[in-house]
Amino acid sequence: MMQRTDIIVNDAVTEDSPLIAELEKKCFSLPWSEAQILNEIQREDALFLKATCNDSFAGYVSGQLIYNEFYISNIAVCEHFRGLGVASELLNELICRLRKTECVFITLEVRESNIPARRLYEKFDFENLGIRKNFYSRPQENACIYTLFFQK
């Protein structure tokens, strides 16, 4: 396993789209295209953060702020950086940024079988609010709806 030195989280930029697209292909059965990622990075209502570890691309989180609600689209970490806290750093930065806005909650869906991801969200006090039946395909699976409410 790779050793962690520093994890740095910044805004993703258009030049990051090829690396993000490559990670999408490795992590998701229906990955976003590079064009979709580029579009998302450029959206006014989107927040797209990338993490670097030891000066290498390590992962990202993306989503949209719609009115005062934030919807996480995707979060992914490169395999050789897993277990080093990259996803935690990405979520922590996302939450910190959104707490400074009018956002009232952050929500997402996660595969019911993805126990490591579910533990991560629970560590950050996301609540499991229920199940979306057959939400995912390839393979078909239920999604758990996780939401973090901000106290205003």
N, C-alpha and C. Protein backbone atom coordinates (compact mmCIF):
# COMPACT_ATOMS: atom_id res chain seq x y z
N MET A 1 0.84 -1.18 0.00
CA MET A 1 0.00 0.00 0.00
C MET A 1 0.89 1.24 0.00
N MET A 2 0.44 2.26 -0.71
CA MET A 2 1.18 3.51 -0.80
C MET A 2 1.13 4.23 0.55
N GLN A 3 2.18 4.91 0.90
CA GLN A 3 2.23 5.69 2.13
C GLN A 3 1.72 7.10 1.87
N ARG A 4 0.97 7.61 2.81
CA ARG A 4 0.41 8.94 2.71
C ARG A 4 1.41 9.96 3.23
N THR A 5 1.57 11.06 2.51
CA THR A 5 2.30 12.20 3.06
C THR A 5 1.33 13.35 3.22
N ASP A 6 0.84 13.87 2.13
CA ASP A 6 -0.11 14.97 2.18
C ASP A 6 -1.24 14.74 1.20
N ILE A 7 -2.44 15.01 1.64
CA ILE A 7 -3.60 15.01 0.75
C ILE A 7 -4.04 16.45 0.63
N ILE A 8 -4.11 16.92 -0.60
CA ILE A 8 -4.50 18.30 -0.86
C ILE A 8 -5.78 18.26 -1.69
N VAL A 9 -6.79 19.03 -1.26
CA VAL A 9 -8.06 19.09 -1.98
C VAL A 9 -8.22 20.49 -2.56
N ASN A 10 -8.47 20.53 -3.87
CA ASN A 10 -8.67 21.79 -4.60
C ASN A 10 -9.84 21.63 -5.54
N ASP A 11 -10.24 22.75 -6.16
CA ASP A 11 -11.24 22.70 -7.22
C ASP A 11 -10.65 21.96 -8.41
N ALA A 12 -11.44 21.10 -9.03
CA ALA A 12 -11.02 20.46 -10.27
C ALA A 12 -11.05 21.51 -11.38
N VAL A 13 -10.16 21.37 -12.33
CA VAL A 13 -10.10 22.27 -13.48
C VAL A 13 -10.25 21.44 -14.75
N THR A 14 -10.50 22.12 -15.86
CA THR A 14 -10.77 21.41 -17.11
C THR A 14 -9.66 20.43 -17.47
N GLU A 15 -8.42 20.75 -17.16
CA GLU A 15 -7.29 19.87 -17.48
C GLU A 15 -7.32 18.56 -16.70
N ASP A 16 -8.14 18.50 -15.65
CA ASP A 16 -8.26 17.28 -14.85
C ASP A 16 -9.21 16.26 -15.46
N SER A 17 -10.01 16.68 -16.45
CA SER A 17 -11.07 15.81 -16.96
C SER A 17 -10.56 14.47 -17.51
N PRO A 18 -9.41 14.37 -18.19
CA PRO A 18 -8.96 13.04 -18.65
C PRO A 18 -8.67 12.08 -17.49
N LEU A 19 -8.04 12.57 -16.43
CA LEU A 19 -7.74 11.71 -15.27
C LEU A 19 -9.02 11.28 -14.57
N ILE A 20 -9.96 12.20 -14.46
CA ILE A 20 -11.23 11.88 -13.80
C ILE A 20 -12.00 10.86 -14.64
N ALA A 21 -12.01 11.04 -15.96
CA ALA A 21 -12.71 10.11 -16.85
C ALA A 21 -12.10 8.71 -16.74
N GLU A 22 -10.79 8.63 -16.64
CA GLU A 22 -10.12 7.33 -16.50
C GLU A 22 -10.52 6.66 -15.19
N LEU A 23 -10.59 7.42 -14.11
CA LEU A 23 -11.01 6.87 -12.82
C LEU A 23 -12.46 6.43 -12.87
N GLU A 24 -13.30 7.20 -13.54
CA GLU A 24 -14.72 6.83 -13.71
C GLU A 24 -14.82 5.43 -14.33
N LYS A 25 -14.04 5.18 -15.38
CA LYS A 25 -14.09 3.90 -16.07
C LYS A 25 -13.71 2.74 -15.15
N LYS A 26 -12.80 3.00 -14.22
CA LYS A 26 -12.33 1.96 -13.31
C LYS A 26 -13.29 1.72 -12.15
N CYS A 27 -14.10 2.73 -11.81
CA CYS A 27 -14.93 2.64 -10.60
C CYS A 27 -16.41 2.38 -10.84
N PHE A 28 -16.92 2.77 -12.00
CA PHE A 28 -18.37 2.73 -12.20
C PHE A 28 -18.75 1.92 -13.43
N SER A 29 -19.86 1.20 -13.33
CA SER A 29 -20.33 0.38 -14.44
C SER A 29 -20.92 1.24 -15.56
N LEU A 30 -21.37 2.43 -15.26
CA LEU A 30 -21.87 3.39 -16.25
C LEU A 30 -21.12 4.71 -16.08
N PRO A 31 -19.86 4.74 -16.48
CA PRO A 31 -19.03 5.93 -16.22
C PRO A 31 -19.45 7.13 -17.07
N TRP A 32 -19.20 8.31 -16.51
CA TRP A 32 -19.40 9.55 -17.25
C TRP A 32 -18.30 9.66 -18.30
N SER A 33 -18.62 10.27 -19.41
CA SER A 33 -17.62 10.52 -20.45
C SER A 33 -16.78 11.73 -20.07
N GLU A 34 -15.66 11.88 -20.74
CA GLU A 34 -14.82 13.05 -20.48
C GLU A 34 -15.59 14.34 -20.78
N ALA A 35 -16.43 14.33 -21.82
CA ALA A 35 -17.23 15.52 -22.16
C ALA A 35 -18.22 15.84 -21.05
N GLN A 36 -18.84 14.82 -20.47
CA GLN A 36 -19.78 15.05 -19.36
C GLN A 36 -19.05 15.62 -18.15
N ILE A 37 -17.87 15.10 -17.87
CA ILE A 37 -17.08 15.59 -16.74
C ILE A 37 -16.67 17.04 -16.97
N LEU A 38 -16.20 17.34 -18.15
CA LEU A 38 -15.81 18.70 -18.50
C LEU A 38 -16.99 19.65 -18.31
N ASN A 39 -18.15 19.24 -18.79
CA ASN A 39 -19.36 20.06 -18.63
C ASN A 39 -19.67 20.29 -17.15
N GLU A 40 -19.53 19.25 -16.36
CA GLU A 40 -19.83 19.34 -14.93
C GLU A 40 -18.84 20.28 -14.22
N ILE A 41 -17.58 20.19 -14.56
CA ILE A 41 -16.56 21.07 -13.95
C ILE A 41 -16.89 22.54 -14.23
N GLN A 42 -17.44 22.81 -15.40
CA GLN A 42 -17.70 24.19 -15.82
C GLN A 42 -19.05 24.74 -15.37
N ARG A 43 -19.92 23.90 -14.82
CA ARG A 43 -21.25 24.36 -14.40
C ARG A 43 -21.16 25.32 -13.23
N GLU A 44 -22.00 26.34 -13.26
CA GLU A 44 -22.05 27.33 -12.18
C GLU A 44 -22.58 26.75 -10.87
N ASP A 45 -23.52 25.80 -10.97
CA ASP A 45 -24.14 25.25 -9.77
C ASP A 45 -23.44 23.99 -9.26
N ALA A 46 -22.33 23.64 -9.88
CA ALA A 46 -21.61 22.42 -9.49
C ALA A 46 -20.44 22.75 -8.57
N LEU A 47 -20.11 21.79 -7.75
CA LEU A 47 -18.89 21.83 -6.95
C LEU A 47 -18.16 20.55 -7.29
N PHE A 48 -16.95 20.70 -7.84
CA PHE A 48 -16.17 19.55 -8.32
C PHE A 48 -14.79 19.69 -7.71
N LEU A 49 -14.48 18.82 -6.75
CA LEU A 49 -13.22 18.87 -6.04
C LEU A 49 -12.36 17.67 -6.39
N LYS A 50 -11.05 17.91 -6.45
CA LYS A 50 -10.11 16.80 -6.70
C LYS A 50 -9.13 16.73 -5.53
N ALA A 51 -8.62 15.54 -5.30
CA ALA A 51 -7.61 15.33 -4.27
C ALA A 51 -6.32 14.88 -4.93
N THR A 52 -5.22 15.39 -4.42
CA THR A 52 -3.91 14.89 -4.82
C THR A 52 -3.21 14.37 -3.58
N CYS A 53 -2.42 13.35 -3.77
CA CYS A 53 -1.66 12.74 -2.69
C CYS A 53 -0.26 12.49 -3.23
N ASN A 54 0.74 12.97 -2.54
CA ASN A 54 2.12 12.85 -3.03
C ASN A 54 2.25 13.41 -4.44
N ASP A 55 1.55 14.51 -4.70
CA ASP A 55 1.57 15.21 -5.99
C ASP A 55 0.94 14.41 -7.14
N SER A 56 0.18 13.37 -6.84
CA SER A 56 -0.50 12.59 -7.87
C SER A 56 -2.01 12.68 -7.67
N PHE A 57 -2.76 12.65 -8.77
CA PHE A 57 -4.22 12.65 -8.71
C PHE A 57 -4.67 11.43 -7.92
N ALA A 58 -5.53 11.65 -6.92
CA ALA A 58 -5.94 10.56 -6.04
C ALA A 58 -7.44 10.30 -6.04
N GLY A 59 -8.25 11.30 -6.41
CA GLY A 59 -9.69 11.09 -6.39
C GLY A 59 -10.44 12.39 -6.55
N TYR A 60 -11.76 12.27 -6.51
CA TYR A 60 -12.60 13.46 -6.68
C TYR A 60 -13.97 13.24 -6.05
N VAL A 61 -14.68 14.34 -5.86
CA VAL A 61 -16.09 14.34 -5.48
C VAL A 61 -16.76 15.44 -6.29
N SER A 62 -17.98 15.17 -6.73
CA SER A 62 -18.71 16.18 -7.51
C SER A 62 -20.18 16.16 -7.14
N GLY A 63 -20.82 17.29 -7.40
CA GLY A 63 -22.26 17.39 -7.16
C GLY A 63 -22.77 18.77 -7.52
N GLN A 64 -24.07 18.94 -7.34
CA GLN A 64 -24.71 20.21 -7.68
C GLN A 64 -25.45 20.78 -6.48
N LEU A 65 -25.37 22.10 -6.38
CA LEU A 65 -26.14 22.85 -5.39
C LEU A 65 -27.39 23.35 -6.10
N ILE A 66 -28.51 22.78 -5.73
CA ILE A 66 -29.79 23.15 -6.34
C ILE A 66 -30.61 23.82 -5.25
N TYR A 67 -30.82 25.12 -5.45
CA TYR A 67 -31.43 25.99 -4.45
C TYR A 67 -30.55 25.93 -3.20
N ASN A 68 -31.00 25.30 -2.14
CA ASN A 68 -30.17 25.21 -0.93
C ASN A 68 -29.92 23.75 -0.54
N GLU A 69 -29.94 22.87 -1.54
CA GLU A 69 -29.72 21.45 -1.33
C GLU A 69 -28.56 20.99 -2.21
N PHE A 70 -27.66 20.19 -1.64
CA PHE A 70 -26.53 19.71 -2.42
C PHE A 70 -26.68 18.22 -2.67
N TYR A 71 -26.54 17.83 -3.94
CA TYR A 71 -26.66 16.45 -4.37
C TYR A 71 -25.31 15.95 -4.86
N ILE A 72 -24.71 15.02 -4.12
CA ILE A 72 -23.44 14.43 -4.55
C ILE A 72 -23.71 13.50 -5.72
N SER A 73 -23.00 13.74 -6.82
CA SER A 73 -23.14 12.89 -8.01
C SER A 73 -22.25 11.66 -7.89
N ASN A 74 -20.96 11.91 -7.65
CA ASN A 74 -19.98 10.83 -7.61
C ASN A 74 -18.85 11.18 -6.65
N ILE A 75 -18.31 10.14 -6.07
CA ILE A 75 -17.07 10.25 -5.30
C ILE A 75 -16.27 8.99 -5.63
N ALA A 76 -15.00 9.18 -5.95
CA ALA A 76 -14.16 8.03 -6.32
C ALA A 76 -12.72 8.29 -5.91
N VAL A 77 -12.03 7.23 -5.54
CA VAL A 77 -10.62 7.30 -5.16
C VAL A 77 -9.85 6.25 -5.95
N CYS A 78 -8.71 6.63 -6.49
CA CYS A 78 -7.85 5.69 -7.21
C CYS A 78 -7.48 4.53 -6.29
N GLU A 79 -7.47 3.35 -6.84
CA GLU A 79 -7.29 2.14 -6.04
C GLU A 79 -6.05 2.19 -5.14
N HIS A 80 -4.93 2.65 -5.68
CA HIS A 80 -3.70 2.63 -4.88
C HIS A 80 -3.65 3.73 -3.81
N PHE A 81 -4.68 4.60 -3.76
CA PHE A 81 -4.77 5.61 -2.69
C PHE A 81 -5.86 5.28 -1.68
N ARG A 82 -6.56 4.17 -1.86
CA ARG A 82 -7.63 3.82 -0.93
C ARG A 82 -7.05 3.43 0.41
N GLY A 83 -7.77 3.78 1.46
CA GLY A 83 -7.34 3.47 2.81
C GLY A 83 -6.40 4.51 3.40
N LEU A 84 -6.15 5.59 2.67
CA LEU A 84 -5.24 6.64 3.15
C LEU A 84 -5.98 7.88 3.64
N GLY A 85 -7.30 7.87 3.56
CA GLY A 85 -8.08 9.02 4.02
C GLY A 85 -8.44 10.01 2.92
N VAL A 86 -8.25 9.64 1.67
CA VAL A 86 -8.56 10.56 0.56
C VAL A 86 -10.04 10.90 0.52
N ALA A 87 -10.90 9.89 0.58
CA ALA A 87 -12.35 10.14 0.54
C ALA A 87 -12.78 11.00 1.73
N SER A 88 -12.20 10.76 2.89
CA SER A 88 -12.52 11.57 4.07
C SER A 88 -12.12 13.02 3.86
N GLU A 89 -10.95 13.24 3.30
CA GLU A 89 -10.50 14.62 3.05
C GLU A 89 -11.41 15.32 2.03
N LEU A 90 -11.81 14.58 0.98
CA LEU A 90 -12.72 15.15 -0.02
C LEU A 90 -14.06 15.52 0.62
N LEU A 91 -14.63 14.60 1.40
CA LEU A 91 -15.92 14.88 2.04
C LEU A 91 -15.80 16.01 3.05
N ASN A 92 -14.72 16.02 3.81
CA ASN A 92 -14.52 17.07 4.80
C ASN A 92 -14.48 18.45 4.14
N GLU A 93 -13.74 18.58 3.06
CA GLU A 93 -13.64 19.86 2.35
C GLU A 93 -14.99 20.25 1.76
N LEU A 94 -15.69 19.29 1.18
CA LEU A 94 -17.02 19.57 0.63
C LEU A 94 -17.96 20.09 1.71
N ILE A 95 -17.99 19.41 2.84
CA ILE A 95 -18.87 19.80 3.95
C ILE A 95 -18.48 21.19 4.46
N CYS A 96 -17.20 21.43 4.64
CA CYS A 96 -16.75 22.74 5.12
C CYS A 96 -17.18 23.86 4.18
N ARG A 97 -17.02 23.65 2.89
CA ARG A 97 -17.43 24.67 1.92
C ARG A 97 -18.94 24.90 1.95
N LEU A 98 -19.70 23.82 2.02
CA LEU A 98 -21.15 23.96 1.98
C LEU A 98 -21.73 24.54 3.26
N ARG A 99 -21.06 24.34 4.39
CA ARG A 99 -21.51 24.96 5.64
C ARG A 99 -21.45 26.49 5.56
N LYS A 100 -20.63 27.02 4.68
CA LYS A 100 -20.49 28.48 4.53
C LYS A 100 -21.53 29.07 3.57
N THR A 101 -22.42 28.22 3.06
CA THR A 101 -23.46 28.66 2.13
C THR A 101 -24.83 28.54 2.82
N GLU A 102 -25.86 28.73 2.05
CA GLU A 102 -27.23 28.57 2.55
C GLU A 102 -27.71 27.11 2.48
N CYS A 103 -26.81 26.20 2.16
CA CYS A 103 -27.15 24.79 2.01
C CYS A 103 -27.74 24.23 3.31
N VAL A 104 -28.85 23.48 3.19
CA VAL A 104 -29.48 22.90 4.37
C VAL A 104 -29.19 21.40 4.52
N PHE A 105 -28.84 20.74 3.40
CA PHE A 105 -28.44 19.35 3.51
C PHE A 105 -27.63 18.92 2.30
N ILE A 106 -26.89 17.82 2.49
CA ILE A 106 -26.14 17.13 1.43
C ILE A 106 -26.74 15.74 1.35
N THR A 107 -27.00 15.26 0.14
CA THR A 107 -27.57 13.93 0.00
C THR A 107 -26.94 13.17 -1.17
N LEU A 108 -27.07 11.86 -1.13
CA LEU A 108 -26.50 11.00 -2.18
C LEU A 108 -27.13 9.62 -2.10
N GLU A 109 -26.94 8.87 -3.16
CA GLU A 109 -27.29 7.45 -3.17
C GLU A 109 -26.01 6.64 -3.23
N VAL A 110 -26.02 5.49 -2.57
CA VAL A 110 -24.87 4.59 -2.58
C VAL A 110 -25.39 3.15 -2.66
N ARG A 111 -24.66 2.32 -3.39
CA ARG A 111 -25.06 0.92 -3.50
C ARG A 111 -25.20 0.31 -2.11
N GLU A 112 -26.27 -0.44 -1.94
CA GLU A 112 -26.54 -1.08 -0.66
C GLU A 112 -25.38 -1.97 -0.22
N SER A 113 -24.68 -2.59 -1.16
CA SER A 113 -23.58 -3.50 -0.85
C SER A 113 -22.25 -2.79 -0.59
N ASN A 114 -22.18 -1.48 -0.81
CA ASN A 114 -20.92 -0.75 -0.67
C ASN A 114 -20.70 -0.35 0.79
N ILE A 115 -20.34 -1.32 1.58
CA ILE A 115 -20.18 -1.12 3.04
C ILE A 115 -19.10 -0.09 3.37
N PRO A 116 -17.91 -0.11 2.72
CA PRO A 116 -16.92 0.91 3.06
C PRO A 116 -17.43 2.34 2.83
N ALA A 117 -18.13 2.57 1.73
CA ALA A 117 -18.67 3.90 1.47
C ALA A 117 -19.74 4.26 2.50
N ARG A 118 -20.60 3.32 2.83
CA ARG A 118 -21.65 3.59 3.82
C ARG A 118 -21.04 3.94 5.18
N ARG A 119 -19.97 3.24 5.56
CA ARG A 119 -19.29 3.56 6.83
C ARG A 119 -18.69 4.96 6.79
N LEU A 120 -18.13 5.33 5.63
CA LEU A 120 -17.57 6.67 5.47
C LEU A 120 -18.64 7.73 5.72
N TYR A 121 -19.79 7.59 5.06
CA TYR A 121 -20.86 8.59 5.22
C TYR A 121 -21.35 8.63 6.65
N GLU A 122 -21.48 7.47 7.28
CA GLU A 122 -21.92 7.42 8.68
C GLU A 122 -20.91 8.08 9.60
N LYS A 123 -19.63 7.97 9.28
CA LYS A 123 -18.58 8.62 10.07
C LYS A 123 -18.76 10.14 10.06
N PHE A 124 -19.30 10.66 8.95
CA PHE A 124 -19.55 12.10 8.82
C PHE A 124 -20.97 12.48 9.22
N ASP A 125 -21.67 11.57 9.92
CA ASP A 125 -23.02 11.81 10.44
C ASP A 125 -24.12 11.90 9.38
N PHE A 126 -23.87 11.33 8.20
CA PHE A 126 -24.96 11.19 7.23
C PHE A 126 -25.93 10.16 7.80
N GLU A 127 -27.22 10.38 7.60
CA GLU A 127 -28.25 9.44 8.05
C GLU A 127 -28.74 8.62 6.87
N ASN A 128 -28.96 7.33 7.10
CA ASN A 128 -29.54 6.45 6.09
C ASN A 128 -31.05 6.63 6.17
N LEU A 129 -31.63 7.33 5.18
CA LEU A 129 -33.05 7.67 5.22
C LEU A 129 -33.95 6.67 4.52
N GLY A 130 -33.35 5.69 3.85
CA GLY A 130 -34.19 4.71 3.19
C GLY A 130 -33.53 4.10 1.98
N ILE A 131 -34.33 3.37 1.22
CA ILE A 131 -33.85 2.59 0.08
C ILE A 131 -34.57 3.05 -1.19
N ARG A 132 -33.80 3.15 -2.28
CA ARG A 132 -34.41 3.30 -3.62
C ARG A 132 -34.25 1.93 -4.27
N LYS A 133 -35.38 1.25 -4.47
CA LYS A 133 -35.38 -0.10 -5.04
C LYS A 133 -34.84 -0.10 -6.47
N ASN A 134 -33.93 -1.01 -6.75
CA ASN A 134 -33.38 -1.22 -8.10
C ASN A 134 -32.88 0.07 -8.76
N PHE A 135 -32.27 0.93 -7.97
CA PHE A 135 -31.77 2.22 -8.45
C PHE A 135 -30.61 2.05 -9.43
N TYR A 136 -29.76 1.09 -9.14
CA TYR A 136 -28.56 0.87 -9.96
C TYR A 136 -28.78 -0.26 -10.96
N SER A 137 -28.06 -0.17 -12.07
CA SER A 137 -28.02 -1.28 -13.02
C SER A 137 -26.56 -1.68 -13.22
N ARG A 138 -26.35 -2.81 -13.83
CA ARG A 138 -25.00 -3.33 -14.11
C ARG A 138 -24.12 -3.43 -12.87
N PRO A 139 -24.40 -4.20 -11.90
CA PRO A 139 -25.57 -5.04 -11.72
C PRO A 139 -26.71 -4.26 -11.04
N GLN A 140 -27.92 -4.80 -11.19
CA GLN A 140 -29.08 -4.18 -10.58
C GLN A 140 -28.96 -4.30 -9.06
N GLU A 141 -29.22 -3.18 -8.39
CA GLU A 141 -29.07 -3.17 -6.93
C GLU A 141 -29.82 -1.98 -6.36
N ASN A 142 -30.25 -2.14 -5.11
CA ASN A 142 -30.88 -1.05 -4.39
C ASN A 142 -29.84 -0.01 -4.00
N ALA A 143 -30.32 1.21 -3.79
CA ALA A 143 -29.46 2.29 -3.28
C ALA A 143 -29.95 2.69 -1.91
N CYS A 144 -29.00 3.00 -1.04
CA CYS A 144 -29.31 3.62 0.24
C CYS A 144 -29.22 5.13 0.04
N ILE A 145 -30.18 5.85 0.60
CA ILE A 145 -30.19 7.31 0.52
C ILE A 145 -29.56 7.84 1.80
N TYR A 146 -28.43 8.51 1.67
CA TYR A 146 -27.74 9.09 2.82
C TYR A 146 -27.83 10.61 2.75
N THR A 147 -28.15 11.23 3.89
CA THR A 147 -28.31 12.67 3.94
C THR A 147 -27.68 13.23 5.21
N LEU A 148 -26.97 14.33 5.05
CA LEU A 148 -26.39 15.07 6.17
C LEU A 148 -27.13 16.38 6.26
N PHE A 149 -27.82 16.61 7.38
CA PHE A 149 -28.57 17.84 7.60
C PHE A 149 -27.71 18.83 8.36
N PHE A 150 -27.70 20.08 7.90
CA PHE A 150 -27.00 21.15 8.61
C PHE A 150 -27.99 21.82 9.55
N GLN A 151 -27.54 22.07 10.75
CA GLN A 151 -28.37 22.80 11.71
C GLN A 151 -28.26 24.29 11.42
N LYS A 152 -29.37 24.93 11.17
CA LYS A 152 -29.36 26.37 10.87
C LYS A 152 -29.98 27.14 12.01
